[in-house]
Protein backbone atom coordinates (compact mmCIF):
# COMPACT_ATOMS: atom_id res chain seq x y z
CA MET A 1 -23.64 11.33 5.71
CA SER A 2 -26.12 13.17 3.48
CA PHE A 3 -28.22 11.98 0.56
CA ASP A 4 -27.81 13.91 -2.66
CA TYR A 5 -31.04 15.59 -3.80
CA LYS A 6 -32.92 14.21 -0.79
CA GLU A 7 -35.82 16.59 -1.37
CA GLN A 8 -36.10 15.35 -4.95
CA LEU A 9 -36.31 11.75 -3.78
CA ILE A 10 -39.09 12.68 -1.37
CA SER A 11 -41.05 14.87 -3.78
CA ASN A 12 -41.05 12.08 -6.39
CA GLY A 13 -43.80 10.52 -4.31
CA SER A 14 -47.09 11.31 -6.04
CA SER A 15 -49.06 11.66 -2.79
CA SER A 16 -48.46 12.90 0.71
CA VAL A 17 -48.54 9.29 1.96
CA LEU A 18 -45.84 8.19 -0.44
CA GLN A 19 -43.76 11.27 0.34
CA GLN A 20 -43.94 10.58 4.06
CA LYS A 21 -42.87 6.98 3.55
CA ARG A 22 -40.00 8.02 1.27
CA GLU A 23 -38.84 10.46 3.93
CA LEU A 24 -39.00 7.71 6.55
CA MET A 25 -36.97 5.45 4.27
CA LEU A 26 -34.15 7.96 3.92
CA SER A 27 -34.20 8.65 7.65
CA LEU A 28 -33.84 4.94 8.43
CA PHE A 29 -30.92 4.64 6.04
CA SER A 30 -29.21 7.62 7.69
CA GLN A 31 -29.61 6.01 11.12
CA VAL A 32 -28.15 2.78 9.79
CA LEU A 33 -25.05 4.52 8.47
CA LYS A 34 -24.47 6.24 11.81
CA ALA A 35 -24.78 2.95 13.68
CA VAL A 36 -22.23 1.10 11.54
CA ASP A 37 -19.67 3.90 11.50
CA PRO A 38 -16.25 2.17 11.62
CA TYR A 39 -14.64 4.80 13.85
CA ALA A 40 -17.32 4.34 16.50
CA ALA A 41 -17.22 0.55 16.20
CA VAL A 42 -13.49 0.36 16.95
CA SER A 43 -13.55 3.14 19.55
CA SER A 44 -16.10 1.18 21.57
CA ARG A 45 -13.48 -1.56 22.03
CA ILE A 46 -10.73 0.71 23.36
CA LYS A 47 -10.62 2.38 26.76
CA LYS A 48 -7.73 3.60 28.93
CA ASN A 49 -5.01 1.85 26.91
CA CYS A 50 -6.90 -1.45 26.92
CA LEU A 51 -8.45 -3.49 24.14
CA PHE A 52 -11.73 -5.15 25.09
CA LEU A 53 -12.44 -8.43 23.34
CA HIS A 54 -15.25 -10.93 23.95
CA ASN A 55 -13.97 -12.36 27.20
CA LYS A 56 -10.64 -10.72 27.88
CA THR A 57 -8.89 -7.40 28.18
CA ILE A 58 -5.47 -6.63 26.72
CA ASP A 59 -3.30 -3.97 28.34
CA VAL A 60 -1.55 -2.27 25.44
CA THR A 61 1.06 -0.63 27.68
CA LYS A 62 2.71 -4.01 28.31
CA PHE A 63 4.00 -4.21 24.73
CA HIS A 64 7.19 -2.67 23.41
CA ASN A 65 5.85 -1.54 20.02
CA VAL A 66 2.26 -1.20 18.85
CA TYR A 67 1.79 -1.47 15.08
CA VAL A 68 -1.50 -0.87 13.28
CA VAL A 69 -2.46 -2.16 9.84
CA GLY A 70 -5.81 -1.39 8.23
CA PHE A 71 -7.21 -2.33 4.85
CA GLY A 72 -10.70 -2.10 3.39
CA LYS A 73 -13.41 0.47 2.84
CA GLY A 74 -13.55 1.23 6.56
CA SER A 75 -9.80 1.39 7.12
CA ILE A 76 -9.55 5.17 7.52
CA GLY A 77 -12.14 5.40 10.29
CA MET A 78 -10.98 2.21 11.99
CA THR A 79 -7.30 3.19 11.92
CA GLN A 80 -8.05 6.72 13.08
CA ALA A 81 -9.92 5.32 16.08
CA VAL A 82 -6.86 3.30 17.12
CA CYS A 83 -4.55 6.28 16.63
CA ASP A 84 -6.83 8.57 18.65
CA HIS A 85 -6.97 6.20 21.62
CA LEU A 86 -3.55 4.53 21.73
CA SER A 87 0.13 5.35 21.34
CA ILE A 88 1.11 3.92 17.96
CA THR A 89 4.66 3.10 16.87
CA GLU A 90 3.92 2.88 13.16
CA GLY A 91 1.12 1.94 10.83
CA ILE A 92 -0.37 1.67 7.34
CA ALA A 93 -3.95 2.07 6.12
CA ILE A 94 -4.97 0.96 2.64
CA THR A 95 -8.23 2.53 1.48
CA ASN A 96 -10.28 3.22 -1.63
CA GLN A 97 -11.15 6.72 -0.41
CA THR A 98 -9.19 9.25 -2.43
CA ASP A 99 -10.09 12.21 -0.21
CA LYS A 100 -9.31 10.80 3.25
CA VAL A 101 -6.09 10.13 5.17
CA VAL A 102 -5.30 8.91 8.66
CA ARG A 103 -4.21 11.89 10.75
CA HIS A 104 -1.09 10.52 12.45
CA LYS A 105 2.53 11.29 11.62
CA LYS A 106 3.59 7.65 11.94
CA VAL A 107 0.76 6.16 9.88
CA GLU A 108 0.87 6.09 6.08
CA THR A 109 -2.28 6.12 3.96
CA VAL A 110 -2.26 4.21 0.65
CA VAL A 111 -5.09 4.47 -1.89
CA GLY A 112 -5.57 1.10 -3.57
CA GLY A 113 -7.96 -0.20 -6.19
CA HIS A 114 -11.52 -1.46 -5.76
CA PRO A 115 -13.33 -3.55 -6.92
CA LEU A 116 -10.28 -4.43 -8.97
CA PRO A 117 -6.82 -4.40 -7.34
CA ASN A 118 -4.25 -2.05 -8.87
CA ASP A 119 -0.55 -1.28 -8.56
CA SER A 120 -1.19 0.64 -5.35
CA SER A 121 -2.94 -2.40 -3.84
CA ILE A 122 0.24 -4.39 -4.45
CA MET A 123 2.48 -1.58 -3.23
CA GLY A 124 0.39 -1.25 -0.06
CA ALA A 125 0.65 -4.98 0.61
CA LYS A 126 4.43 -4.81 0.23
CA LYS A 127 4.56 -1.96 2.75
CA VAL A 128 2.42 -3.97 5.16
CA LEU A 129 4.63 -7.04 4.83
CA ASN A 130 7.74 -4.93 5.34
CA LEU A 131 6.30 -3.44 8.52
CA LEU A 132 5.25 -6.82 9.88
CA SER A 133 8.67 -8.30 9.13
CA ARG A 134 10.11 -6.05 11.85
CA CYS A 135 7.81 -7.36 14.58
CA GLU A 136 9.35 -9.04 17.63
CA PRO A 137 7.77 -11.27 20.31
CA ASN A 138 7.09 -8.40 22.73
CA ASP A 139 5.24 -6.29 20.12
CA LEU A 140 1.52 -5.96 19.43
CA VAL A 141 -0.06 -5.80 15.98
CA ILE A 142 -3.58 -4.42 15.62
CA ILE A 143 -5.10 -5.39 12.27
CA LEU A 144 -8.25 -3.65 11.05
CA ILE A 145 -10.23 -5.43 8.33
CA SER A 146 -13.29 -4.27 6.42
CA GLY A 147 -15.10 -4.97 3.18
CA GLY A 148 -13.04 -4.44 0.06
CA GLY A 149 -9.91 -5.71 1.76
CA SER A 150 -9.51 -8.51 -0.79
CA ALA A 151 -8.87 -6.01 -3.58
CA LEU A 152 -7.08 -3.36 -1.52
CA LEU A 153 -4.48 -5.72 0.00
CA ALA A 154 -3.05 -7.61 -2.96
CA SER A 155 -0.03 -9.88 -2.98
CA PRO A 156 -0.76 -12.20 -5.92
CA ARG A 157 1.12 -15.23 -7.19
CA ILE A 158 0.25 -14.06 -10.70
CA SER A 159 0.59 -10.79 -12.59
CA LEU A 160 -1.68 -7.86 -11.74
CA ASP A 161 -3.19 -7.97 -15.23
CA ASP A 162 -4.09 -11.65 -14.86
CA LEU A 163 -5.50 -11.02 -11.38
CA GLN A 164 -7.70 -8.22 -12.71
CA LYS A 165 -8.96 -10.37 -15.58
CA THR A 166 -9.79 -13.20 -13.19
CA THR A 167 -11.53 -10.89 -10.74
CA LYS A 168 -13.64 -9.36 -13.51
CA ALA A 169 -14.69 -12.80 -14.72
CA LEU A 170 -15.64 -13.91 -11.22
CA LEU A 171 -17.61 -10.75 -10.44
CA ALA A 172 -19.63 -11.16 -13.65
CA SER A 173 -20.23 -14.90 -13.20
CA GLY A 174 -22.80 -14.80 -10.41
CA ALA A 175 -20.43 -16.55 -7.99
CA THR A 176 -20.97 -15.87 -4.29
CA ILE A 177 -18.47 -13.83 -2.31
CA GLN A 178 -17.41 -17.02 -0.53
CA GLU A 179 -16.64 -18.64 -3.87
CA ILE A 180 -14.86 -15.57 -5.22
CA ASN A 181 -12.73 -15.28 -2.09
CA THR A 182 -11.84 -18.96 -2.23
CA ILE A 183 -10.19 -18.25 -5.58
CA ARG A 184 -8.55 -15.08 -4.26
CA LYS A 185 -7.07 -16.90 -1.26
CA HIS A 186 -5.33 -19.46 -3.43
CA LEU A 187 -3.88 -16.88 -5.80
CA SER A 188 -2.43 -14.85 -2.90
CA THR A 189 0.47 -14.98 -0.47
CA VAL A 190 -1.36 -13.02 2.28
CA LYS A 191 -4.98 -14.16 2.20
CA GLY A 192 -6.32 -17.28 3.87
CA GLY A 193 -4.40 -16.75 7.12
CA GLN A 194 -1.07 -16.23 5.40
CA LEU A 195 -0.67 -12.60 6.51
CA VAL A 196 -0.04 -13.59 10.14
CA LYS A 197 1.37 -17.10 9.87
CA SER A 198 4.96 -15.96 10.43
CA LEU A 199 4.35 -13.29 13.07
CA PRO A 200 6.01 -14.01 16.45
CA CYS A 201 3.87 -11.57 18.45
CA LYS A 202 0.34 -10.98 19.71
CA VAL A 203 -2.19 -9.98 17.01
CA VAL A 204 -5.61 -8.44 17.64
CA THR A 205 -7.91 -8.10 14.64
CA PHE A 206 -11.05 -5.93 14.61
CA ILE A 207 -13.37 -6.74 11.71
CA VAL A 208 -16.25 -4.96 10.02
CA SER A 209 -18.10 -7.80 8.29
CA ASP A 210 -19.32 -7.54 4.71
CA VAL A 211 -20.13 -11.23 4.27
CA VAL A 212 -23.44 -12.92 5.05
CA GLY A 213 -23.27 -14.79 8.36
CA ASP A 214 -19.94 -13.17 9.33
CA PRO A 215 -17.66 -16.12 8.44
CA LEU A 216 -14.23 -14.82 9.43
CA GLU A 217 -12.39 -16.82 6.80
CA PHE A 218 -14.20 -15.10 3.93
CA ILE A 219 -14.22 -11.47 5.10
CA ALA A 220 -11.50 -9.77 3.01
CA SER A 221 -10.48 -13.36 2.17
CA GLY A 222 -9.58 -14.14 5.78
CA PRO A 223 -5.95 -12.94 6.05
CA THR A 224 -5.78 -13.52 9.83
CA VAL A 225 -7.74 -16.76 10.27
CA GLY A 226 -7.40 -20.41 9.29
CA ASP A 227 -8.78 -21.49 5.95
CA SER A 228 -11.11 -24.43 5.36
CA THR A 229 -10.88 -24.23 1.55
CA THR A 230 -8.33 -25.82 -0.75
CA PHE A 231 -6.83 -25.51 -4.21
CA SER A 232 -9.22 -28.29 -5.27
CA ASP A 233 -12.15 -26.15 -4.10
CA ALA A 234 -10.85 -23.26 -6.18
CA PHE A 235 -10.64 -25.57 -9.20
CA ASP A 236 -14.20 -26.81 -8.67
CA ILE A 237 -15.58 -23.26 -8.45
CA LEU A 238 -13.92 -22.20 -11.69
CA LYS A 239 -15.32 -25.31 -13.36
CA LYS A 240 -18.78 -24.68 -11.89
CA TYR A 241 -19.01 -21.24 -13.47
CA LYS A 242 -17.37 -22.39 -16.73
CA LEU A 243 -14.37 -20.12 -16.15
CA TRP A 244 -11.56 -22.69 -16.19
CA ASN A 245 -10.92 -22.23 -19.91
CA VAL A 246 -11.57 -18.49 -19.75
CA ILE A 247 -9.11 -17.42 -17.04
CA PRO A 248 -5.43 -16.68 -17.81
CA ASP A 249 -2.95 -19.57 -18.09
CA SER A 250 -1.12 -18.36 -14.98
CA VAL A 251 -4.19 -18.94 -12.82
CA ARG A 252 -4.63 -22.50 -14.06
CA ARG A 253 -0.93 -23.11 -13.48
CA VAL A 254 -1.03 -21.92 -9.84
CA ILE A 255 -4.13 -23.95 -9.03
CA ASP A 256 -2.74 -27.07 -10.72
CA GLN A 257 0.51 -26.69 -8.75
CA GLY A 258 -1.47 -26.28 -5.55
CA LYS A 259 -3.51 -29.40 -6.22
CA LYS A 260 -0.25 -31.30 -6.73
CA GLU A 261 1.07 -29.87 -3.42
CA LEU A 262 3.86 -27.98 -5.19
CA ILE A 263 2.48 -24.83 -3.51
CA PRO A 264 1.60 -25.12 0.21
CA GLU A 265 -2.06 -25.06 1.15
CA THR A 266 -3.32 -22.11 3.17
CA PRO A 267 -3.04 -22.88 6.92
CA SER A 268 -6.07 -24.50 8.56
CA SER A 269 -7.83 -23.18 11.67
CA ASP A 270 -6.10 -25.70 13.96
CA ASP A 271 -2.65 -24.57 12.88
CA PRO A 272 -0.67 -23.38 15.95
CA VAL A 273 0.29 -20.18 14.09
CA PHE A 274 -3.13 -18.79 15.08
CA SER A 275 -2.69 -19.32 18.82
CA HIS A 276 -1.44 -15.74 19.19
CA VAL A 277 -4.24 -14.20 17.07
CA SER A 278 -7.57 -12.83 18.37
CA ASN A 279 -10.31 -11.89 15.90
CA LEU A 280 -13.41 -9.87 16.78
CA ILE A 281 -16.39 -8.66 14.71
CA VAL A 282 -17.13 -5.05 15.69
CA SER A 283 -19.83 -4.19 13.11
CA ASN A 284 -22.03 -6.17 10.73
CA ASN A 285 -25.28 -6.34 8.81
CA SER A 286 -27.22 -7.54 11.84
CA LEU A 287 -26.36 -4.28 13.60
CA ALA A 288 -27.55 -2.34 10.55
CA CYS A 289 -30.90 -4.16 10.42
CA GLU A 290 -31.41 -3.95 14.19
CA THR A 291 -30.83 -0.19 13.98
CA ALA A 292 -33.46 0.15 11.26
CA PHE A 293 -35.82 -1.96 13.39
CA THR A 294 -35.37 0.23 16.47
CA SER A 295 -35.67 3.47 14.50
CA ALA A 296 -38.84 2.32 12.74
CA LYS A 297 -40.39 1.30 16.03
CA LYS A 298 -39.61 4.71 17.54
CA ALA A 299 -41.31 6.30 14.54
CA GLY A 300 -44.51 4.44 15.36
CA PHE A 301 -44.33 1.62 12.84
CA HIS A 302 -44.48 -2.13 13.35
CA PRO A 303 -41.04 -3.38 12.22
CA VAL A 304 -40.24 -6.92 11.07
CA ILE A 305 -36.79 -8.23 10.14
CA LEU A 306 -37.30 -10.73 7.35
CA SER A 307 -33.66 -11.79 7.03
CA THR A 308 -30.07 -10.66 7.54
CA ARG A 309 -28.76 -13.38 5.23
CA LEU A 310 -30.29 -12.35 1.92
CA THR A 311 -28.48 -13.98 -1.01
CA GLY A 312 -29.32 -15.07 -4.53
CA GLU A 313 -30.10 -13.35 -7.81
CA ALA A 314 -31.13 -9.75 -7.18
CA SER A 315 -33.84 -9.83 -9.84
CA GLU A 316 -35.49 -12.82 -8.13
CA LEU A 317 -35.32 -11.45 -4.60
CA GLY A 318 -37.77 -8.59 -5.15
CA PRO A 319 -40.68 -10.97 -5.74
CA TRP A 320 -39.48 -13.19 -2.87
CA LEU A 321 -39.43 -10.29 -0.41
CA PHE A 322 -42.82 -9.09 -1.63
CA GLU A 323 -44.44 -12.50 -1.10
CA ARG A 324 -42.73 -12.94 2.27
CA SER A 325 -43.99 -9.54 3.44
CA LYS A 326 -47.58 -10.34 2.46
CA LYS A 327 -47.47 -13.52 4.56
CA THR A 328 -46.20 -11.69 7.65
CA HIS A 329 -48.07 -8.39 7.28
CA HIS A 330 -49.15 -6.93 10.62
CA GLU A 331 -52.89 -6.38 10.78
CA THR A 332 -52.79 -3.23 12.92
CA GLY A 333 -50.63 -0.25 12.04
CA GLU A 334 -48.21 0.23 9.17
CA THR A 335 -45.50 -2.39 8.82
CA VAL A 336 -41.85 -1.82 7.95
CA PHE A 337 -40.12 -4.90 6.59
CA ILE A 338 -36.34 -4.93 6.91
CA SER A 339 -33.81 -7.26 5.35
CA GLY A 340 -30.09 -7.36 4.74
CA GLY A 341 -27.45 -9.38 3.00
CA GLU A 342 -25.71 -9.36 -0.36
CA PRO A 343 -27.53 -10.47 -3.51
CA THR A 344 -25.65 -11.26 -6.70
CA VAL A 345 -26.17 -10.33 -10.33
CA THR A 346 -25.34 -12.62 -13.22
CA LEU A 347 -24.62 -10.26 -16.10
CA THR A 348 -26.55 -10.92 -19.29
CA GLY A 349 -26.56 -7.37 -20.63
CA ASP A 350 -24.18 -4.45 -20.94
CA GLY A 351 -26.04 -1.80 -18.96
CA LYS A 352 -24.97 0.07 -15.84
CA GLY A 353 -26.27 -0.81 -12.41
CA GLY A 354 -25.76 -2.94 -9.34
CA ARG A 355 -27.42 -5.56 -7.18
CA ASN A 356 -29.40 -3.04 -5.09
CA GLN A 357 -30.84 -1.15 -8.03
CA GLU A 358 -31.63 -4.39 -9.86
CA LEU A 359 -33.41 -5.68 -6.76
CA VAL A 360 -35.55 -2.54 -6.56
CA LEU A 361 -36.26 -2.69 -10.30
CA SER A 362 -37.59 -6.23 -9.91
CA MET A 363 -40.00 -4.93 -7.26
CA VAL A 364 -41.46 -2.10 -9.39
CA PRO A 365 -44.28 -4.09 -11.10
CA LEU A 366 -45.29 -5.64 -7.76
CA LEU A 367 -45.76 -2.24 -6.10
CA LYS A 368 -48.06 -0.97 -8.87
CA GLY A 369 -50.97 1.12 -7.58
CA SER A 370 -50.17 0.65 -3.89
CA ASP A 371 -49.14 3.04 -1.13
CA SER A 372 -45.99 0.97 -0.53
CA VAL A 373 -42.39 2.15 -0.83
CA PHE A 374 -39.34 -0.05 -1.29
CA ALA A 375 -35.64 0.76 -1.34
CA SER A 376 -32.32 -1.06 -1.20
CA PHE A 377 -28.86 0.41 -0.76
CA GLY A 378 -25.28 -0.64 -0.25
CA THR A 379 -23.85 0.60 3.03
CA ASP A 380 -20.55 1.33 1.29
CA GLY A 381 -22.30 3.95 -0.84
CA VAL A 382 -21.48 2.22 -4.11
CA ASP A 383 -23.68 -0.20 -6.04
CA GLY A 384 -21.91 -2.16 -8.75
CA MET A 385 -20.11 0.02 -11.25
CA SER A 386 -22.62 2.87 -10.91
CA PRO A 387 -22.33 6.13 -8.94
CA ALA A 388 -25.43 5.28 -6.89
CA ALA A 389 -25.72 3.33 -3.65
CA GLY A 390 -29.16 1.99 -4.52
CA ALA A 391 -32.62 3.11 -5.53
CA ILE A 392 -36.14 3.78 -4.27
CA ALA A 393 -39.51 2.89 -5.80
CA ASP A 394 -43.17 3.14 -4.86
CA GLY A 395 -46.65 2.28 -6.11
CA ASN A 396 -46.49 5.01 -8.75
CA THR A 397 -43.03 4.25 -10.13
CA LEU A 398 -44.31 1.96 -12.88
CA HIS A 399 -46.71 4.65 -14.11
CA ARG A 400 -43.95 7.29 -14.11
CA ALA A 401 -41.68 4.90 -15.99
CA LYS A 402 -44.28 4.18 -18.68
CA GLU A 403 -44.77 7.92 -19.17
CA GLN A 404 -41.10 8.13 -20.08
CA GLY A 405 -41.16 5.00 -22.24
CA LEU A 406 -39.11 2.94 -19.77
CA ASP A 407 -39.79 -0.81 -19.95
CA VAL A 408 -38.92 -2.60 -16.69
CA GLU A 409 -38.33 -5.98 -18.34
CA LEU A 410 -35.97 -4.56 -20.96
CA PHE A 411 -33.91 -2.73 -18.35
CA LEU A 412 -33.74 -5.86 -16.19
CA LYS A 413 -32.64 -7.96 -19.16
CA ASN A 414 -29.88 -5.47 -19.96
CA ASN A 415 -28.75 -5.10 -16.32
CA ASP A 416 -29.34 -1.37 -16.77
CA SER A 417 -31.05 -0.52 -13.49
CA PHE A 418 -29.02 2.65 -12.89
CA THR A 419 -30.17 4.22 -16.15
CA PHE A 420 -33.79 3.37 -15.28
CA PHE A 421 -33.74 4.98 -11.86
CA HIS A 422 -31.50 7.87 -12.87
CA ARG A 423 -34.04 8.82 -15.54
CA LEU A 424 -36.67 8.92 -12.79
CA ASN A 425 -34.34 10.73 -10.32
CA ASP A 426 -34.85 7.83 -7.93
CA ASP A 427 -31.26 6.64 -7.72
CA ILE A 428 -29.88 7.05 -4.18
CA VAL A 429 -26.51 8.80 -4.29
CA ILE A 430 -24.53 9.16 -1.06
CA GLY A 431 -20.92 8.66 -2.16
CA PRO A 432 -18.41 6.35 -0.45
CA THR A 433 -19.32 5.97 3.21
CA GLY A 434 -16.04 4.62 4.54
CA THR A 435 -17.62 1.36 5.68
CA ASN A 436 -19.31 -1.74 4.30
CA VAL A 437 -21.70 -4.09 6.08
CA MET A 438 -23.39 -5.25 2.87
CA ASP A 439 -26.86 -4.10 1.83
CA VAL A 440 -30.10 -3.11 3.55
CA GLN A 441 -33.59 -3.33 2.08
CA ILE A 442 -36.68 -1.67 3.53
CA LEU A 443 -40.29 -2.12 2.45
CA VAL A 444 -42.96 0.13 3.96
CA LEU A 445 -46.50 -1.12 3.39
C-alpha cells in the first residue's frame, strides 16, 4: 500500500526535524497496514487442510461440502486466503472494492454499497441466504466478517430507501457504532445472529474487528453471534438522539411490532442455535497499535500506547490526547504516542471531512511552534465521505494555514476538515485498503 504524494507530505515539514518525523509517521502507518492485512490474518489460521481456532483444530477434509461466505471491507483478501488454502465447494464475497474479485471459479464476487447499503447489498444477501439454504449437517460453512459488513450484507425488514434514510440519520447523529448497529440488527433478518440460526451444520467465523473492544455482537452487527440488545433498546436509542420522529414510518412500525413481540427478538447468546458456531477474531486495532509500538521502538524512539479504545467526539479528542501525552512524556529520548479506536463526529456543518481529519484539525492549535507531528488515519483508507484516509499536522501547520487565510475554528465548526488539509496538501490519501481495524493516531514529540 502506497501513500499518494508521499514526498509532498514529507516536504511540507518546514525543518529537517519535522520532515524526519513526518517520514517516520508515514513509515509507521505503512507497517500497520501490512500487519493487519486480511489475507495474512486468515492464512495464519489455516494449515494443511486444518482450521486453527483458540483451543481446537478442525479438519476440513471430514466435511462433505465446504462453503465460504465473506462480507465487509476485508472480504476479498479474507476469502482469497480460504480459497488458496482449502478446497472450496462454492462461495460468495460481498465487497465495496470495485476493482477486486476473488480468483476462484466457484466463488462469486458482489460489489455492494458502503457506508449506505444499495441494491447490490440486498442482492448479495439473497445470494448468501440461497447458498446457506442448501447446507446439510455434514457440511462446513466458513464465514468471513470485516468492517462494513453491516451495509454490505443487507436483508432489511423495510424498503432500501427507508433503510438508507435511517442509516444517514444515524451516521450524522453522533451515535456510537454499538448504538447504530443495535438499530440495524432489529431492522434486519440476518443481523444479530439471525444469519446462522437455521443452519444445521458446523460454522467457523473469522472476524476482522472494526469495533472498540472487539465485541462480537456489534462487529458487522453480529450476524453469527447471540444478541444482548432488544427492540426496546433500539427504541431508546432513536429517542436519545431525537430521531424517533425523523425516521421513516416503516422503521417505527417494525420497532413497535418488535416491542409488542409481533416480530421475534434476535436470538440471545445462550440460544442452542449457536452451539455449532465458532467465532474468532483474527485482526483488530490492538494489533495495529502494537505494530506501531514495535516499529517505533526499532526506529529508536520511546513508544507509549495511550489507548486502543479511543471514542468520543473527534474535535474533543485532540486536546485530550495532547494533555495525556504531556503527563506521560518520557524524559529521555523522543517519545511516540500511539492510540487507536473510533471517534465520532456530530455534524453541525455541511463541509467535507471525517473523524480522523477532524481529530487532527483539533490538534493544530496545540502543536503551534513545536517540533511535534501528529496524524490520524482510518485503516480502511477512507475517512468519512472524503477521498482521504486522514491527515497530518505539525508545529508549523497553524502558521501555514494562516498564510492561506484558513481559520481552524471555522473549519471545525463547518465539519470541513478535508478542505482545510487538502488546501495544505496534508490530507493522507491511500485509497481503499481492503481491511478495517478502525483508526490509528500517532503523536511524535
